[in-house]
């Protein structure tokens, strides 16, 4: 799978059974996602740096493969 962060949000791209690329539902739609990585220490853990513009940059963590996200406090 590919993790893609853009100025308009983030997505994953995966190949389906037929070999066609399928995009996931967007994360952080309309926000700048500067970095998006999978933490290999924990299966399903993703980290993203996200900037909304008016609130500044934040680091977001998902431990369930991107279904839910929480802001990292430290």
C-alpha atoms as a PDB file:
ATOM      1  CA  UNK A   1       0.000   0.000   0.000  1.00  0.00           C
ATOM      2  CA  UNK A   2       1.051   3.578  -0.631  1.00  0.00           C
ATOM      3  CA  UNK A   3       0.506   6.329   1.951  1.00  0.00           C
ATOM      4  CA  UNK A   4      -0.058   9.690   0.258  1.00  0.00           C
ATOM      5  CA  UNK A   5      -0.050  13.062   2.012  1.00  0.00           C
ATOM      6  CA  UNK A   6      -1.024  16.177   0.035  1.00  0.00           C
ATOM      7  CA  UNK A   7      -2.091  19.800   0.522  1.00  0.00           C
ATOM      8  CA  UNK A   8      -5.713  18.559   0.386  1.00  0.00           C
ATOM      9  CA  UNK A   9      -5.577  15.605   2.813  1.00  0.00           C
ATOM     10  CA  UNK A  10      -4.223  12.043   2.895  1.00  0.00           C
ATOM     11  CA  UNK A  11      -5.134   8.684   1.361  1.00  0.00           C
ATOM     12  CA  UNK A  12      -3.876   5.157   0.931  1.00  0.00           C
ATOM     13  CA  UNK A  13      -3.632   3.415  -2.419  1.00  0.00           C
ATOM     14  CA  UNK A  14      -3.900  -0.376  -2.550  1.00  0.00           C
ATOM     15  CA  UNK A  15      -4.183  -2.878  -5.357  1.00  0.00           C
ATOM     16  CA  UNK A  16      -7.376  -4.910  -5.390  1.00  0.00           C
ATOM     17  CA  UNK A  17      -7.672  -8.571  -6.409  1.00  0.00           C
ATOM     18  CA  UNK A  18      -7.754  -7.572 -10.102  1.00  0.00           C
ATOM     19  CA  UNK A  19      -4.616  -5.456  -9.798  1.00  0.00           C
ATOM     20  CA  UNK A  20      -6.414  -2.107 -10.070  1.00  0.00           C
ATOM     21  CA  UNK A  21      -5.449   0.698  -7.677  1.00  0.00           C
ATOM     22  CA  UNK A  22      -8.123   1.682  -5.146  1.00  0.00           C
ATOM     23  CA  UNK A  23      -7.980   4.859  -3.031  1.00  0.00           C
ATOM     24  CA  UNK A  24      -9.187   4.886   0.564  1.00  0.00           C
ATOM     25  CA  UNK A  25     -11.560   7.417   2.044  1.00  0.00           C
ATOM     26  CA  UNK A  26      -9.623  10.641   2.734  1.00  0.00           C
ATOM     27  CA  UNK A  27      -8.118  11.553   6.077  1.00  0.00           C
ATOM     28  CA  UNK A  28      -7.819  15.219   7.128  1.00  0.00           C
ATOM     29  CA  UNK A  29      -9.739  16.398   4.077  1.00  0.00           C
ATOM     30  CA  UNK A  30      -8.804  19.974   3.151  1.00  0.00           C
ATOM     31  CA  UNK A  31      -5.789  20.047   5.486  1.00  0.00           C
ATOM     32  CA  UNK A  32      -2.094  19.912   4.591  1.00  0.00           C
ATOM     33  CA  UNK A  33      -0.535  16.556   5.411  1.00  0.00           C
ATOM     34  CA  UNK A  34       3.214  17.084   5.250  1.00  0.00           C
ATOM     35  CA  UNK A  35       4.311  13.608   6.344  1.00  0.00           C
ATOM     36  CA  UNK A  36       2.458  10.302   6.642  1.00  0.00           C
ATOM     37  CA  UNK A  37       4.256   7.180   7.846  1.00  0.00           C
ATOM     38  CA  UNK A  38       3.517   3.754   9.232  1.00  0.00           C
ATOM     39  CA  UNK A  39       5.203   3.021  12.556  1.00  0.00           C
ATOM     40  CA  UNK A  40       6.573  -0.485  12.134  1.00  0.00           C
ATOM     41  CA  UNK A  41       6.823  -0.959  15.915  1.00  0.00           C
ATOM     42  CA  UNK A  42       3.042  -1.281  16.170  1.00  0.00           C
ATOM     43  CA  UNK A  43       0.894  -2.948  13.542  1.00  0.00           C
ATOM     44  CA  UNK A  44      -1.764  -0.510  12.359  1.00  0.00           C
ATOM     45  CA  UNK A  45      -0.031   2.538  13.869  1.00  0.00           C
ATOM     46  CA  UNK A  46       0.181   5.561  11.558  1.00  0.00           C
ATOM     47  CA  UNK A  47       1.672   9.002  12.230  1.00  0.00           C
ATOM     48  CA  UNK A  48       0.848  12.173  10.303  1.00  0.00           C
ATOM     49  CA  UNK A  49       1.970  15.780  10.509  1.00  0.00           C
ATOM     50  CA  UNK A  50      -1.069  17.915   9.738  1.00  0.00           C
ATOM     51  CA  UNK A  51      -1.445  21.686   9.371  1.00  0.00           C
ATOM     52  CA  UNK A  52      -4.788  23.466   9.237  1.00  0.00           C
ATOM     53  CA  UNK A  53      -3.202  26.858   8.638  1.00  0.00           C
ATOM     54  CA  UNK A  54      -4.814  28.803  11.462  1.00  0.00           C
ATOM     55  CA  UNK A  55      -4.001  26.322  14.268  1.00  0.00           C
ATOM     56  CA  UNK A  56      -0.473  25.469  13.137  1.00  0.00           C
ATOM     57  CA  UNK A  57       1.098  22.044  12.752  1.00  0.00           C
ATOM     58  CA  UNK A  58       0.135  19.020  14.820  1.00  0.00           C
ATOM     59  CA  UNK A  59       1.164  15.386  14.971  1.00  0.00           C
ATOM     60  CA  UNK A  60      -1.707  12.916  14.719  1.00  0.00           C
ATOM     61  CA  UNK A  61      -1.575   9.202  15.620  1.00  0.00           C
ATOM     62  CA  UNK A  62      -3.828   6.331  14.612  1.00  0.00           C
ATOM     63  CA  UNK A  63      -3.457   2.913  16.232  1.00  0.00           C
ATOM     64  CA  UNK A  64      -6.231   1.304  14.186  1.00  0.00           C
ATOM     65  CA  UNK A  65      -4.973   1.733  10.629  1.00  0.00           C
ATOM     66  CA  UNK A  66      -6.485   5.194  10.121  1.00  0.00           C
ATOM     67  CA  UNK A  67     -10.053   4.616  11.334  1.00  0.00           C
ATOM     68  CA  UNK A  68      -9.581   7.091  14.196  1.00  0.00           C
ATOM     69  CA  UNK A  69      -6.952   9.749  14.859  1.00  0.00           C
ATOM     70  CA  UNK A  70      -5.833  11.579  18.013  1.00  0.00           C
ATOM     71  CA  UNK A  71      -3.457  14.481  18.435  1.00  0.00           C
ATOM     72  CA  UNK A  72      -0.129  13.554  20.036  1.00  0.00           C
ATOM     73  CA  UNK A  73       0.339  15.628  23.195  1.00  0.00           C
ATOM     74  CA  UNK A  74       4.068  15.010  23.704  1.00  0.00           C
END
